Amino acid sequence: MKKYKDINVYEATQKRLEFIFNEFDYIYLSFSGGKDSALLLNLVIDFMKRNNITKKIGLFHRDMEAQYSLTSQ
């Protein structure tokens, strides 16, 4: 059974990112080059800028459906 909360997806993402950056020393993001992973990467970068976070994040690039040379450069 689904339980709905009084929070939108953007606010929930911000809370999750706050938890991740507070609890983990190393943060890695999987990136396929598609629209979903591009959105997540931009949300992470915006969160870091807004909160003056200077630590580096790791980026793992892998696309199991298609490896386009322009995406992987």
PDB file of N, CA and C in Angstrom:
ATOM      1  N   MET A   1       0.844  -1.180   0.000  1.00  0.00           N
ATOM      2  CA  MET A   1       0.000   0.000   0.000  1.00  0.00           C
ATOM      3  C   MET A   1       0.890   1.244   0.000  1.00  0.00           C
ATOM      4  N   LYS A   2       0.620   2.178  -0.896  1.00  0.00           N
ATOM      5  CA  LYS A   2       1.381   3.413  -0.974  1.00  0.00           C
ATOM      6  C   LYS A   2       0.972   4.352   0.145  1.00  0.00           C
ATOM      7  N   LYS A   3       1.988   5.059   0.660  1.00  0.00           N
ATOM      8  CA  LYS A   3       1.727   6.088   1.653  1.00  0.00           C
ATOM      9  C   LYS A   3       2.209   7.406   1.074  1.00  0.00           C
ATOM     10  N   TYR A   4       1.299   8.328   0.871  1.00  0.00           N
ATOM     11  CA  TYR A   4       1.632   9.610   0.288  1.00  0.00           C
ATOM     12  C   TYR A   4       2.037  10.584   1.389  1.00  0.00           C
ATOM     13  N   LYS A   5       2.993  11.448   1.064  1.00  0.00           N
ATOM     14  CA  LYS A   5       3.467  12.438   2.019  1.00  0.00           C
ATOM     15  C   LYS A   5       3.142  13.832   1.498  1.00  0.00           C
ATOM     16  N   ASP A   6       3.123  14.785   2.391  1.00  0.00           N
ATOM     17  CA  ASP A   6       2.840  16.171   2.008  1.00  0.00           C
ATOM     18  C   ASP A   6       4.122  16.873   1.574  1.00  0.00           C
ATOM     19  N   ILE A   7       4.790  16.296   0.568  1.00  0.00           N
ATOM     20  CA  ILE A   7       6.033  16.860   0.067  1.00  0.00           C
ATOM     21  C   ILE A   7       6.115  16.539  -1.430  1.00  0.00           C
ATOM     22  N   ASN A   8       6.609  17.489  -2.208  1.00  0.00           N
ATOM     23  CA  ASN A   8       6.727  17.209  -3.640  1.00  0.00           C
ATOM     24  C   ASN A   8       8.060  16.520  -3.942  1.00  0.00           C
ATOM     25  N   VAL A   9       8.209  16.069  -5.155  1.00  0.00           N
ATOM     26  CA  VAL A   9       9.379  15.286  -5.536  1.00  0.00           C
ATOM     27  C   VAL A   9      10.661  16.110  -5.409  1.00  0.00           C
ATOM     28  N   TYR A  10      10.618  17.371  -5.781  1.00  0.00           N
ATOM     29  CA  TYR A  10      11.801  18.227  -5.683  1.00  0.00           C
ATOM     30  C   TYR A  10      12.245  18.380  -4.230  1.00  0.00           C
ATOM     31  N   GLU A  11      11.298  18.666  -3.336  1.00  0.00           N
ATOM     32  CA  GLU A  11      11.636  18.812  -1.913  1.00  0.00           C
ATOM     33  C   GLU A  11      12.179  17.508  -1.343  1.00  0.00           C
ATOM     34  N   ALA A  12      11.594  16.397  -1.740  1.00  0.00           N
ATOM     35  CA  ALA A  12      12.075  15.093  -1.277  1.00  0.00           C
ATOM     36  C   ALA A  12      13.507  14.840  -1.763  1.00  0.00           C
ATOM     37  N   THR A  13      13.788  15.238  -2.995  1.00  0.00           N
ATOM     38  CA  THR A  13      15.147  15.086  -3.535  1.00  0.00           C
ATOM     39  C   THR A  13      16.133  15.930  -2.747  1.00  0.00           C
ATOM     40  N   GLN A  14      15.757  17.141  -2.410  1.00  0.00           N
ATOM     41  CA  GLN A  14      16.643  18.014  -1.649  1.00  0.00           C
ATOM     42  C   GLN A  14      16.933  17.430  -0.261  1.00  0.00           C
ATOM     43  N   LYS A  15      15.922  16.872   0.375  1.00  0.00           N
ATOM     44  CA  LYS A  15      16.129  16.239   1.684  1.00  0.00           C
ATOM     45  C   LYS A  15      17.034  15.027   1.574  1.00  0.00           C
ATOM     46  N   ARG A  16      16.850  14.249   0.513  1.00  0.00           N
ATOM     47  CA  ARG A  16      17.688  13.068   0.308  1.00  0.00           C
ATOM     48  C   ARG A  16      19.138  13.467   0.042  1.00  0.00           C
ATOM     49  N   LEU A  17      19.339  14.519  -0.756  1.00  0.00           N
ATOM     50  CA  LEU A  17      20.697  14.987  -1.022  1.00  0.00           C
ATOM     51  C   LEU A  17      21.354  15.527   0.243  1.00  0.00           C
ATOM     52  N   GLU A  18      20.590  16.220   1.060  1.00  0.00           N
ATOM     53  CA  GLU A  18      21.122  16.717   2.333  1.00  0.00           C
ATOM     54  C   GLU A  18      21.599  15.551   3.195  1.00  0.00           C
ATOM     55  N   PHE A  19      20.799  14.507   3.280  1.00  0.00           N
ATOM     56  CA  PHE A  19      21.178  13.324   4.044  1.00  0.00           C
ATOM     57  C   PHE A  19      22.456  12.706   3.473  1.00  0.00           C
ATOM     58  N   ILE A  20      22.503  12.538   2.165  1.00  0.00           N
ATOM     59  CA  ILE A  20      23.656  11.906   1.515  1.00  0.00           C
ATOM     60  C   ILE A  20      24.932  12.705   1.780  1.00  0.00           C
ATOM     61  N   PHE A  21      24.890  14.013   1.588  1.00  0.00           N
ATOM     62  CA  PHE A  21      26.090  14.824   1.779  1.00  0.00           C
ATOM     63  C   PHE A  21      26.500  14.926   3.241  1.00  0.00           C
ATOM     64  N   ASN A  22      25.563  14.783   4.157  1.00  0.00           N
ATOM     65  CA  ASN A  22      25.898  14.810   5.583  1.00  0.00           C
ATOM     66  C   ASN A  22      26.436  13.487   6.095  1.00  0.00           C
ATOM     67  N   GLU A  23      26.014  12.383   5.513  1.00  0.00           N
ATOM     68  CA  GLU A  23      26.324  11.066   6.063  1.00  0.00           C
ATOM     69  C   GLU A  23      27.482  10.333   5.382  1.00  0.00           C
ATOM     70  N   PHE A  24      27.825  10.713   4.167  1.00  0.00           N
ATOM     71  CA  PHE A  24      28.824   9.954   3.423  1.00  0.00           C
ATOM     72  C   PHE A  24      30.030  10.814   3.058  1.00  0.00           C
ATOM     73  N   ASP A  25      31.210  10.222   3.178  1.00  0.00           N
ATOM     74  CA  ASP A  25      32.443  10.929   2.818  1.00  0.00           C
ATOM     75  C   ASP A  25      32.671  10.944   1.316  1.00  0.00           C
ATOM     76  N   TYR A  26      32.301   9.868   0.657  1.00  0.00           N
ATOM     77  CA  TYR A  26      32.507   9.737  -0.784  1.00  0.00           C
ATOM     78  C   TYR A  26      31.159   9.570  -1.470  1.00  0.00           C
ATOM     79  N   ILE A  27      30.934  10.363  -2.506  1.00  0.00           N
ATOM     80  CA  ILE A  27      29.658  10.330  -3.208  1.00  0.00           C
ATOM     81  C   ILE A  27      29.931  10.103  -4.689  1.00  0.00           C
ATOM     82  N   TYR A  28      29.277   9.095  -5.232  1.00  0.00           N
ATOM     83  CA  TYR A  28      29.427   8.750  -6.644  1.00  0.00           C
ATOM     84  C   TYR A  28      28.062   8.773  -7.312  1.00  0.00           C
ATOM     85  N   LEU A  29      28.044   9.241  -8.541  1.00  0.00           N
ATOM     86  CA  LEU A  29      26.816   9.343  -9.309  1.00  0.00           C
ATOM     87  C   LEU A  29      26.968   8.551 -10.597  1.00  0.00           C
ATOM     88  N   SER A  30      26.039   7.660 -10.862  1.00  0.00           N
ATOM     89  CA  SER A  30      26.036   6.940 -12.131  1.00  0.00           C
ATOM     90  C   SER A  30      25.397   7.827 -13.191  1.00  0.00           C
ATOM     91  N   PHE A  31      26.017   7.871 -14.351  1.00  0.00           N
ATOM     92  CA  PHE A  31      25.580   8.780 -15.398  1.00  0.00           C
ATOM     93  C   PHE A  31      25.594   8.055 -16.734  1.00  0.00           C
ATOM     94  N   SER A  32      24.416   7.940 -17.363  1.00  0.00           N
ATOM     95  CA  SER A  32      24.342   7.261 -18.654  1.00  0.00           C
ATOM     96  C   SER A  32      24.399   8.244 -19.822  1.00  0.00           C
ATOM     97  N   GLY A  33      24.175   9.511 -19.538  1.00  0.00           N
ATOM     98  CA  GLY A  33      24.122  10.505 -20.602  1.00  0.00           C
ATOM     99  C   GLY A  33      22.706  10.798 -21.047  1.00  0.00           C
ATOM    100  N   GLY A  34      21.737  10.080 -20.501  1.00  0.00           N
ATOM    101  CA  GLY A  34      20.334  10.308 -20.839  1.00  0.00           C
ATOM    102  C   GLY A  34      19.728  11.432 -20.023  1.00  0.00           C
ATOM    103  N   LYS A  35      18.465  11.700 -20.299  1.00  0.00           N
ATOM    104  CA  LYS A  35      17.805  12.842 -19.648  1.00  0.00           C
ATOM    105  C   LYS A  35      17.635  12.656 -18.140  1.00  0.00           C
ATOM    106  N   ASP A  36      17.377  11.441 -17.685  1.00  0.00           N
ATOM    107  CA  ASP A  36      17.180  11.220 -16.249  1.00  0.00           C
ATOM    108  C   ASP A  36      18.473  11.414 -15.465  1.00  0.00           C
ATOM    109  N   SER A  37      19.555  10.817 -15.953  1.00  0.00           N
ATOM    110  CA  SER A  37      20.813  10.964 -15.221  1.00  0.00           C
ATOM    111  C   SER A  37      21.362  12.383 -15.367  1.00  0.00           C
ATOM    112  N   ALA A  38      21.087  13.042 -16.491  1.00  0.00           N
ATOM    113  CA  ALA A  38      21.501  14.436 -16.648  1.00  0.00           C
ATOM    114  C   ALA A  38      20.760  15.332 -15.660  1.00  0.00           C
ATOM    115  N   LEU A  39      19.482  15.067 -15.462  1.00  0.00           N
ATOM    116  CA  LEU A  39      18.705  15.824 -14.480  1.00  0.00           C
ATOM    117  C   LEU A  39      19.255  15.611 -13.075  1.00  0.00           C
ATOM    118  N   LEU A  40      19.532  14.369 -12.727  1.00  0.00           N
ATOM    119  CA  LEU A  40      20.073  14.087 -11.396  1.00  0.00           C
ATOM    120  C   LEU A  40      21.417  14.773 -11.195  1.00  0.00           C
ATOM    121  N   LEU A  41      22.286  14.719 -12.187  1.00  0.00           N
ATOM    122  CA  LEU A  41      23.579  15.394 -12.082  1.00  0.00           C
ATOM    123  C   LEU A  41      23.388  16.888 -11.850  1.00  0.00           C
ATOM    124  N   ASN A  42      22.481  17.499 -12.585  1.00  0.00           N
ATOM    125  CA  ASN A  42      22.236  18.933 -12.408  1.00  0.00           C
ATOM    126  C   ASN A  42      21.632  19.252 -11.044  1.00  0.00           C
ATOM    127  N   LEU A  43      20.762  18.388 -10.542  1.00  0.00           N
ATOM    128  CA  LEU A  43      20.213  18.593  -9.195  1.00  0.00           C
ATOM    129  C   LEU A  43      21.322  18.532  -8.145  1.00  0.00           C
ATOM    130  N   VAL A  44      22.243  17.599  -8.304  1.00  0.00           N
ATOM    131  CA  VAL A  44      23.360  17.467  -7.360  1.00  0.00           C
ATOM    132  C   VAL A  44      24.259  18.702  -7.422  1.00  0.00           C
ATOM    133  N   ILE A  45      24.609  19.131  -8.632  1.00  0.00           N
ATOM    134  CA  ILE A  45      25.472  20.307  -8.777  1.00  0.00           C
ATOM    135  C   ILE A  45      24.798  21.553  -8.207  1.00  0.00           C
ATOM    136  N   ASP A  46      23.520  21.746  -8.499  1.00  0.00           N
ATOM    137  CA  ASP A  46      22.784  22.895  -7.947  1.00  0.00           C
ATOM    138  C   ASP A  46      22.742  22.842  -6.426  1.00  0.00           C
ATOM    139  N   PHE A  47      22.512  21.653  -5.865  1.00  0.00           N
ATOM    140  CA  PHE A  47      22.481  21.493  -4.410  1.00  0.00           C
ATOM    141  C   PHE A  47      23.831  21.872  -3.809  1.00  0.00           C
ATOM    142  N   MET A  48      24.904  21.411  -4.452  1.00  0.00           N
ATOM    143  CA  MET A  48      26.250  21.706  -3.945  1.00  0.00           C
ATOM    144  C   MET A  48      26.533  23.209  -3.989  1.00  0.00           C
ATOM    145  N   LYS A  49      26.164  23.858  -5.065  1.00  0.00           N
ATOM    146  CA  LYS A  49      26.396  25.306  -5.185  1.00  0.00           C
ATOM    147  C   LYS A  49      25.587  26.077  -4.147  1.00  0.00           C
ATOM    148  N   ARG A  50      24.323  25.712  -4.006  1.00  0.00           N
ATOM    149  CA  ARG A  50      23.432  26.415  -3.077  1.00  0.00           C
ATOM    150  C   ARG A  50      23.869  26.262  -1.625  1.00  0.00           C
ATOM    151  N   ASN A  51      24.530  25.144  -1.316  1.00  0.00           N
ATOM    152  CA  ASN A  51      24.946  24.874   0.062  1.00  0.00           C
ATOM    153  C   ASN A  51      26.452  25.018   0.261  1.00  0.00           C
ATOM    154  N   ASN A  52      27.130  25.634  -0.700  1.00  0.00           N
ATOM    155  CA  ASN A  52      28.574  25.876  -0.624  1.00  0.00           C
ATOM    156  C   ASN A  52      29.373  24.616  -0.301  1.00  0.00           C
ATOM    157  N   ILE A  53      29.009  23.531  -0.937  1.00  0.00           N
ATOM    158  CA  ILE A  53      29.711  22.264  -0.753  1.00  0.00           C
ATOM    159  C   ILE A  53      30.833  22.207  -1.774  1.00  0.00           C
ATOM    160  N   THR A  54      32.060  22.034  -1.293  1.00  0.00           N
ATOM    161  CA  THR A  54      33.214  22.048  -2.187  1.00  0.00           C
ATOM    162  C   THR A  54      33.830  20.667  -2.384  1.00  0.00           C
ATOM    163  N   LYS A  55      33.326  19.668  -1.687  1.00  0.00           N
ATOM    164  CA  LYS A  55      33.894  18.336  -1.873  1.00  0.00           C
ATOM    165  C   LYS A  55      33.613  17.836  -3.275  1.00  0.00           C
ATOM    166  N   LYS A  56      34.492  16.990  -3.754  1.00  0.00           N
ATOM    167  CA  LYS A  56      34.336  16.441  -5.096  1.00  0.00           C
ATOM    168  C   LYS A  56      33.407  15.239  -5.053  1.00  0.00           C
ATOM    169  N   ILE A  57      32.687  15.051  -6.145  1.00  0.00           N
ATOM    170  CA  ILE A  57      31.870  13.852  -6.294  1.00  0.00           C
ATOM    171  C   ILE A  57      32.464  13.025  -7.422  1.00  0.00           C
ATOM    172  N   GLY A  58      32.267  11.726  -7.347  1.00  0.00           N
ATOM    173  CA  GLY A  58      32.706  10.849  -8.418  1.00  0.00           C
ATOM    174  C   GLY A  58      31.577  10.652  -9.405  1.00  0.00           C
ATOM    175  N   LEU A  59      31.947  10.484 -10.668  1.00  0.00           N
ATOM    176  CA  LEU A  59      30.955  10.285 -11.715  1.00  0.00           C
ATOM    177  C   LEU A  59      31.308   9.011 -12.473  1.00  0.00           C
ATOM    178  N   PHE A  60      30.391   8.074 -12.460  1.00  0.00           N
ATOM    179  CA  PHE A  60      30.577   6.803 -13.152  1.00  0.00           C
ATOM    180  C   PHE A  60      29.722   6.822 -14.400  1.00  0.00           C
ATOM    181  N   HIS A  61      30.367   6.760 -15.565  1.00  0.00           N
ATOM    182  CA  HIS A  61      29.616   6.809 -16.820  1.00  0.00           C
ATOM    183  C   HIS A  61      29.475   5.412 -17.405  1.00  0.00           C
ATOM    184  N   ARG A  62      28.232   4.999 -17.606  1.00  0.00           N
ATOM    185  CA  ARG A  62      27.964   3.693 -18.228  1.00  0.00           C
ATOM    186  C   ARG A  62      26.574   3.724 -18.833  1.00  0.00           C
ATOM    187  N   ASP A  63      26.484   3.306 -20.065  1.00  0.00           N
ATOM    188  CA  ASP A  63      25.192   3.186 -20.719  1.00  0.00           C
ATOM    189  C   ASP A  63      25.142   1.805 -21.355  1.00  0.00           C
ATOM    190  N   MET A  64      24.356   0.922 -20.776  1.00  0.00           N
ATOM    191  CA  MET A  64      24.304  -0.459 -21.239  1.00  0.00           C
ATOM    192  C   MET A  64      23.500  -0.618 -22.540  1.00  0.00           C
ATOM    193  N   GLU A  65      22.694   0.359 -22.884  1.00  0.00           N
ATOM    194  CA  GLU A  65      21.879   0.248 -24.095  1.00  0.00           C
ATOM    195  C   GLU A  65      22.658   0.652 -25.338  1.00  0.00           C
ATOM    196  N   ALA A  66      23.441   1.721 -25.233  1.00  0.00           N
ATOM    197  CA  ALA A  66      24.194   2.201 -26.393  1.00  0.00           C
ATOM    198  C   ALA A  66      25.373   3.021 -25.909  1.00  0.00           C
ATOM    199  N   GLN A  67      26.501   2.789 -26.482  1.00  0.00           N
ATOM    200  CA  GLN A  67      27.698   3.555 -26.145  1.00  0.00           C
ATOM    201  C   GLN A  67      28.012   4.491 -27.322  1.00  0.00           C
ATOM    202  N   TYR A  68      27.485   5.694 -27.262  1.00  0.00           N
ATOM    203  CA  TYR A  68      27.741   6.664 -28.308  1.00  0.00           C
ATOM    204  C   TYR A  68      29.065   7.372 -28.031  1.00  0.00           C
ATOM    205  N   SER A  69      29.915   7.439 -29.025  1.00  0.00           N
ATOM    206  CA  SER A  69      31.242   8.024 -28.822  1.00  0.00           C
ATOM    207  C   SER A  69      31.148   9.495 -28.393  1.00  0.00           C
ATOM    208  N   LEU A  70      30.170  10.243 -28.864  1.00  0.00           N
ATOM    209  CA  LEU A  70      30.042  11.640 -28.468  1.00  0.00           C
ATOM    210  C   LEU A  70      29.625  11.787 -27.007  1.00  0.00           C
ATOM    211  N   THR A  71      28.864  10.829 -26.482  1.00  0.00           N
ATOM    212  CA  THR A  71      28.477  10.860 -25.079  1.00  0.00           C
ATOM    213  C   THR A  71      29.649  10.534 -24.176  1.00  0.00           C
ATOM    214  N   SER A  72      30.533   9.659 -24.631  1.00  0.00           N
ATOM    215  CA  SER A  72      31.606   9.130 -23.790  1.00  0.00           C
ATOM    216  C   SER A  72      32.901   9.914 -23.882  1.00  0.00           C
ATOM    217  N   GLN A  73      32.928  11.016 -24.594  1.00  0.00           N
ATOM    218  CA  GLN A  73      34.184  11.758 -24.727  1.00  0.00           C
ATOM    219  C   GLN A  73      34.505  12.514 -23.466  1.00  0.00           C
TER     220      GLN A  73
END
